[in-house]
Amino acid sequence: MTAPPQRRLRLGPLRRPAGPPSAMRRRLGIAARLLLALMLVGGLYTAFVPRVPAAADDQPTLSEDAQKGKQLYETTCITCHGRNAQGVTDQGPSLIGVGSAAVEFQVNTGRMPAARQEAQNERKDPLLTKEQARQIGAYIQALGGGPSLAPDADLSGGDVARGGELFRVNCSSCHSFGGGGGALSSGKFAPSLSEATARDIYTAMLSGPQNMPVFGDNQLNPDEKRDIIAYVQNLQNNGDPGGWSIGRIGPVTEGLAIFLIGIVALAFVSLWIAGKS
């Protein structure tokens, strides 16, 4: 018997085992996974985080007076206090939180708008009307809140005697006992109260202009503020029945005036007597 023919196995080309992916493929894979993760996080954030209002929605709704005040502000105040009343460096402070009381005091007494920067702005004839001051105050109040006084607030009916006691304790150290004012440091001064109206005094106590401290309701309640106003108005209408007040600055100037006038008078009398003798 003959042996069956042997079959030869034909082997194909040998394949090399797959090696690690190339650097480019690794980078593309990492980028794809990172993009997918970011899309997932963004979708979760959009789904669960409350909607943030648009920037236009952040602006307060202005009343009619506040809208008129905004127009006045942009023509008379914006240069020093900035577009959003947040102040301008080396020009003017921020007005956020000062309230309408501060605006009314500064504008109604003519201290603002200021022509130039000084150690202290003095009282002068106002450039704007009381109505315009109230409208600007309404705009500043809408922007940041702060101390305010109702337009129809009744500031009368205070106790003069009690107001005198409160004035001597809280105000006389700067404004003197007679309300004539006095010098402070760095070229500043406490102004005379001879021309101050009831609303000027009340808004000044609420806002604390310049070097004056703020007298909130926890320091002086509204009734005590009205008592101080009554005392100051009594000083204004007193008429100085005792004689020349010398500005009501105090006993030092009064004693100096008496001394100088008395010495000069005695010198002239002595010379006249000597001449006669």
Protein backbone atom coordinates (compact mmCIF):
# COMPACT_ATOMS: atom_id res chain seq x y z
CA MET A 1 0.00 0.00 0.00
CA THR A 2 1.14 3.36 -0.68
CA ALA A 3 1.01 6.05 2.08
CA PRO A 4 -1.50 8.90 1.60
CA PRO A 5 0.03 12.04 0.30
CA GLN A 6 0.94 14.56 3.02
CA ARG A 7 -0.88 17.88 2.91
CA ARG A 8 1.15 20.96 3.28
CA LEU A 9 -0.34 23.71 5.46
CA ARG A 10 -0.11 27.13 3.94
CA LEU A 11 0.40 29.76 6.60
CA GLY A 12 -0.57 33.33 5.88
CA PRO A 13 1.64 36.31 6.72
CA LEU A 14 2.34 36.64 10.39
CA ARG A 15 0.57 39.63 12.11
CA ARG A 16 2.37 41.62 14.67
CA PRO A 17 0.56 42.03 18.02
CA ALA A 18 -1.21 45.38 18.41
CA GLY A 19 0.99 47.83 20.21
CA PRO A 20 0.00 50.84 22.37
CA PRO A 21 -1.98 53.59 20.58
CA SER A 22 -0.08 56.45 19.11
CA ALA A 23 0.36 59.74 20.96
CA MET A 24 -2.08 61.51 18.61
CA ARG A 25 -4.82 58.95 19.25
CA ARG A 26 -4.29 59.25 23.00
CA ARG A 27 -4.64 63.02 22.85
CA LEU A 28 -7.78 62.84 20.75
CA GLY A 29 -9.31 60.35 23.19
CA ILE A 30 -8.51 62.54 26.19
CA ALA A 31 -9.96 65.59 24.42
CA ALA A 32 -13.16 63.74 23.54
CA ARG A 33 -13.65 62.52 27.11
CA LEU A 34 -12.98 66.02 28.51
CA LEU A 35 -15.47 67.57 26.09
CA LEU A 36 -18.08 65.00 27.05
CA ALA A 37 -17.51 65.69 30.76
CA LEU A 38 -17.84 69.43 30.24
CA MET A 39 -21.08 69.00 28.32
CA LEU A 40 -22.44 66.80 31.10
CA VAL A 41 -21.52 69.30 33.82
CA GLY A 42 -22.96 72.19 31.81
CA GLY A 43 -26.22 70.34 31.30
CA LEU A 44 -26.53 69.58 35.01
CA TYR A 45 -25.75 73.21 35.90
CA THR A 46 -28.38 74.51 33.48
CA ALA A 47 -30.96 72.08 34.79
CA PHE A 48 -30.54 72.63 38.52
CA VAL A 49 -29.13 76.17 39.06
CA PRO A 50 -31.76 78.99 39.23
CA ARG A 51 -31.80 81.39 36.34
CA VAL A 52 -29.75 84.54 36.93
CA PRO A 53 -31.60 87.70 35.86
CA ALA A 54 -30.15 89.66 33.02
CA ALA A 55 -28.13 92.76 33.75
CA ALA A 56 -31.04 94.97 32.77
CA ASP A 57 -33.20 93.29 35.41
CA ASP A 58 -30.75 94.34 38.14
CA GLN A 59 -31.60 98.00 37.69
CA PRO A 60 -34.13 99.22 40.26
CA THR A 61 -37.53 100.32 39.07
CA LEU A 62 -37.48 104.10 39.38
CA SER A 63 -40.43 106.21 40.43
CA GLU A 64 -41.36 109.30 38.46
CA ASP A 65 -39.44 111.55 40.89
CA ALA A 66 -36.42 109.25 40.78
CA GLN A 67 -36.43 109.29 36.97
CA LYS A 68 -36.41 113.09 36.99
CA GLY A 69 -33.71 112.99 39.64
CA LYS A 70 -31.64 110.68 37.44
CA GLN A 71 -31.78 113.21 34.61
CA LEU A 72 -30.71 116.01 36.97
CA TYR A 73 -27.96 113.84 38.41
CA GLU A 74 -26.54 113.14 34.96
CA THR A 75 -26.30 116.86 34.20
CA THR A 76 -25.09 118.22 37.56
CA CYS A 77 -23.48 115.44 39.64
CA ILE A 78 -22.12 112.71 37.36
CA THR A 79 -18.74 114.37 36.75
CA CYS A 80 -17.66 114.02 40.38
CA HIS A 81 -19.77 111.13 41.66
CA GLY A 82 -19.69 108.79 38.64
CA ARG A 83 -22.25 107.23 36.34
CA ASN A 84 -23.68 104.89 38.97
CA ALA A 85 -23.07 107.20 41.97
CA GLN A 86 -20.14 105.00 43.01
CA GLY A 87 -17.73 107.92 43.22
CA VAL A 88 -14.75 109.08 41.19
CA THR A 89 -11.21 108.88 42.56
CA ASP A 90 -9.92 112.30 43.67
CA GLN A 91 -13.17 113.89 42.50
CA GLY A 92 -16.12 112.89 44.68
CA PRO A 93 -17.17 110.14 47.11
CA SER A 94 -19.65 107.35 46.50
CA LEU A 95 -23.29 108.21 47.18
CA ILE A 96 -24.43 104.61 47.61
CA GLY A 97 -26.11 104.35 51.00
CA VAL A 98 -26.02 108.05 51.93
CA GLY A 99 -29.78 108.37 51.44
CA SER A 100 -31.93 111.25 50.31
CA ALA A 101 -31.35 113.15 53.58
CA ALA A 102 -27.70 113.78 52.71
CA VAL A 103 -28.59 114.92 49.19
CA GLU A 104 -31.26 117.33 50.43
CA PHE A 105 -28.94 118.86 53.02
CA GLN A 106 -26.04 119.37 50.60
CA VAL A 107 -28.14 120.69 47.71
CA ASN A 108 -30.57 122.84 49.71
CA THR A 109 -27.73 124.60 51.54
CA GLY A 110 -25.87 125.30 48.28
CA ARG A 111 -22.87 123.17 49.24
CA MET A 112 -23.51 120.99 46.20
CA PRO A 113 -22.94 121.10 43.29
CA ALA A 114 -19.47 122.30 44.30
CA ALA A 115 -17.45 124.54 42.02
CA ARG A 116 -14.10 123.20 43.31
CA GLN A 117 -12.65 120.95 45.97
CA GLU A 118 -11.97 122.68 49.27
CA ALA A 119 -11.25 121.68 52.85
CA GLN A 120 -14.92 122.30 53.51
CA ASN A 121 -17.82 123.49 51.39
CA GLU A 122 -19.49 126.56 52.81
CA ARG A 123 -23.18 127.41 52.76
CA LYS A 124 -24.22 129.56 49.80
CA ASP A 125 -27.25 130.29 47.67
CA PRO A 126 -28.50 126.98 46.21
CA LEU A 127 -28.24 126.38 42.45
CA LEU A 128 -31.18 123.96 42.39
CA THR A 129 -34.68 124.24 43.78
CA LYS A 130 -35.94 122.24 46.75
CA GLU A 131 -38.08 120.19 44.35
CA GLN A 132 -35.04 119.32 42.26
CA ALA A 133 -33.07 118.43 45.40
CA ARG A 134 -35.89 116.12 46.47
CA GLN A 135 -35.91 114.43 43.05
CA ILE A 136 -32.14 113.82 43.08
CA GLY A 137 -32.53 112.50 46.61
CA ALA A 138 -35.22 110.08 45.42
CA TYR A 139 -32.84 108.75 42.75
CA ILE A 140 -29.97 108.25 45.23
CA GLN A 141 -32.39 106.62 47.66
CA ALA A 142 -33.49 104.19 44.94
CA LEU A 143 -29.88 103.28 44.13
CA GLY A 144 -28.65 102.39 47.61
CA GLY A 145 -31.08 103.38 50.35
CA GLY A 146 -30.01 105.26 53.46
CA PRO A 147 -31.43 107.87 55.86
CA SER A 148 -34.43 109.74 54.52
CA LEU A 149 -37.00 112.27 55.68
CA ALA A 150 -40.57 112.40 54.41
CA PRO A 151 -41.36 115.55 52.40
CA ASP A 152 -44.29 116.39 54.69
CA ALA A 153 -42.54 115.57 57.99
CA ASP A 154 -43.71 117.77 60.89
CA LEU A 155 -40.62 119.14 62.64
CA SER A 156 -42.40 121.60 64.95
CA GLY A 157 -43.61 121.27 68.51
CA GLY A 158 -40.27 120.61 70.22
CA ASP A 159 -39.46 121.46 73.84
CA VAL A 160 -37.04 124.40 73.93
CA ALA A 161 -35.73 123.74 77.45
CA ARG A 162 -35.10 120.06 76.83
CA GLY A 163 -33.62 120.90 73.44
CA GLY A 164 -31.17 123.27 75.13
CA GLU A 165 -29.94 120.47 77.39
CA LEU A 166 -29.52 118.10 74.44
CA PHE A 167 -27.79 120.79 72.37
CA ARG A 168 -25.27 121.57 75.12
CA VAL A 169 -24.42 117.88 75.50
CA ASN A 170 -24.29 116.87 71.81
CA CYS A 171 -23.70 120.00 69.71
CA SER A 172 -22.14 122.86 71.67
CA SER A 173 -18.59 121.45 71.60
CA CYS A 174 -18.44 122.28 67.86
CA HIS A 175 -21.20 124.81 67.23
CA SER A 176 -20.66 126.70 70.55
CA PHE A 177 -23.36 127.24 73.15
CA GLY A 178 -25.03 129.97 71.11
CA GLY A 179 -24.89 128.17 67.76
CA GLY A 180 -22.30 130.55 66.33
CA GLY A 181 -19.99 127.80 65.11
CA GLY A 182 -16.29 127.30 65.71
CA ALA A 183 -12.98 126.28 64.18
CA LEU A 184 -11.93 122.65 63.73
CA SER A 185 -8.70 121.08 62.49
CA SER A 186 -7.21 121.09 58.95
CA GLY A 187 -9.01 124.25 57.85
CA LYS A 188 -12.45 122.88 58.67
CA PHE A 189 -15.07 124.46 60.90
CA ALA A 190 -18.47 123.93 62.42
CA PRO A 191 -20.78 126.39 60.65
CA SER A 192 -23.07 128.91 62.30
CA LEU A 193 -26.68 127.78 62.73
CA SER A 194 -28.12 131.27 62.28
CA GLU A 195 -29.48 130.46 58.78
CA ALA A 196 -30.26 126.76 59.25
CA THR A 197 -33.87 125.73 58.67
CA ALA A 198 -35.63 122.98 60.62
CA ARG A 199 -35.22 120.58 57.70
CA ASP A 200 -31.53 121.50 57.32
CA ILE A 201 -30.89 120.64 60.97
CA TYR A 202 -32.84 117.38 60.88
CA THR A 203 -31.24 116.11 57.66
CA ALA A 204 -27.80 117.09 58.98
CA MET A 205 -28.37 115.02 62.11
CA LEU A 206 -29.50 112.09 59.97
CA SER A 207 -26.60 112.20 57.49
CA GLY A 208 -23.65 113.67 59.41
CA PRO A 209 -22.18 115.99 56.75
CA GLN A 210 -18.41 116.58 56.66
CA ASN A 211 -17.01 116.35 60.23
CA MET A 212 -20.39 116.12 61.93
CA PRO A 213 -21.26 112.73 63.46
CA VAL A 214 -24.43 110.89 62.49
CA PHE A 215 -27.17 111.05 65.12
CA GLY A 216 -29.34 108.05 64.36
CA ASP A 217 -32.54 107.27 66.21
CA ASN A 218 -30.54 105.19 68.69
CA GLN A 219 -28.57 108.31 69.71
CA LEU A 220 -31.31 110.93 69.40
CA ASN A 221 -34.86 109.83 68.74
CA PRO A 222 -37.14 111.93 66.49
CA ASP A 223 -38.69 113.78 69.46
CA GLU A 224 -35.25 114.75 70.77
CA LYS A 225 -34.24 115.95 67.30
CA ARG A 226 -37.34 118.17 67.23
CA ASP A 227 -36.42 119.51 70.68
CA ILE A 228 -32.97 120.54 69.42
CA ILE A 229 -34.57 122.20 66.40
CA ALA A 230 -36.88 124.16 68.72
CA TYR A 231 -33.87 125.35 70.75
CA VAL A 232 -31.92 126.45 67.67
CA GLN A 233 -34.94 128.28 66.29
CA ASN A 234 -35.34 129.99 69.65
CA LEU A 235 -31.72 131.18 69.39
CA GLN A 236 -32.38 132.48 65.88
CA ASN A 237 -35.42 134.50 67.01
CA ASN A 238 -33.97 135.65 70.33
CA GLY A 239 -32.64 138.98 69.06
CA ASP A 240 -29.81 139.16 71.66
CA PRO A 241 -31.64 141.32 74.23
CA GLY A 242 -28.47 141.47 76.36
CA GLY A 243 -26.55 143.47 73.76
CA TRP A 244 -23.91 142.80 71.13
CA SER A 245 -23.47 139.03 70.74
CA ILE A 246 -20.09 139.14 68.90
CA GLY A 247 -21.25 136.23 66.79
CA ARG A 248 -22.09 134.12 69.87
CA ILE A 249 -18.69 132.53 69.62
CA GLY A 250 -18.20 132.32 73.36
CA PRO A 251 -16.74 133.94 76.49
CA VAL A 252 -13.15 134.09 75.21
CA THR A 253 -13.90 136.54 72.41
CA GLU A 254 -16.31 138.46 74.61
CA GLY A 255 -13.67 138.87 77.32
CA LEU A 256 -11.06 139.87 74.75
CA ALA A 257 -13.36 142.48 73.25
CA ILE A 258 -14.18 143.93 76.66
CA PHE A 259 -10.49 144.00 77.59
CA LEU A 260 -9.36 145.74 74.39
CA ILE A 261 -12.25 148.20 74.32
CA GLY A 262 -11.89 148.88 78.04
CA ILE A 263 -8.12 149.42 77.90
CA VAL A 264 -8.42 151.80 74.95
CA ALA A 265 -11.22 153.70 76.66
CA LEU A 266 -9.23 153.99 79.91
CA ALA A 267 -6.19 155.22 77.98
CA PHE A 268 -8.18 157.98 76.29
CA VAL A 269 -9.82 158.99 79.58
CA SER A 270 -6.40 159.16 81.28
CA LEU A 271 -5.00 161.34 78.49
CA TRP A 272 -8.04 163.61 78.63
CA ILE A 273 -7.73 164.02 82.41
CA ALA A 274 -3.99 164.70 82.10
CA GLY A 275 -4.64 167.32 79.45
CA LYS A 276 -7.25 169.05 81.57
CA SER A 277 -5.04 169.13 84.63
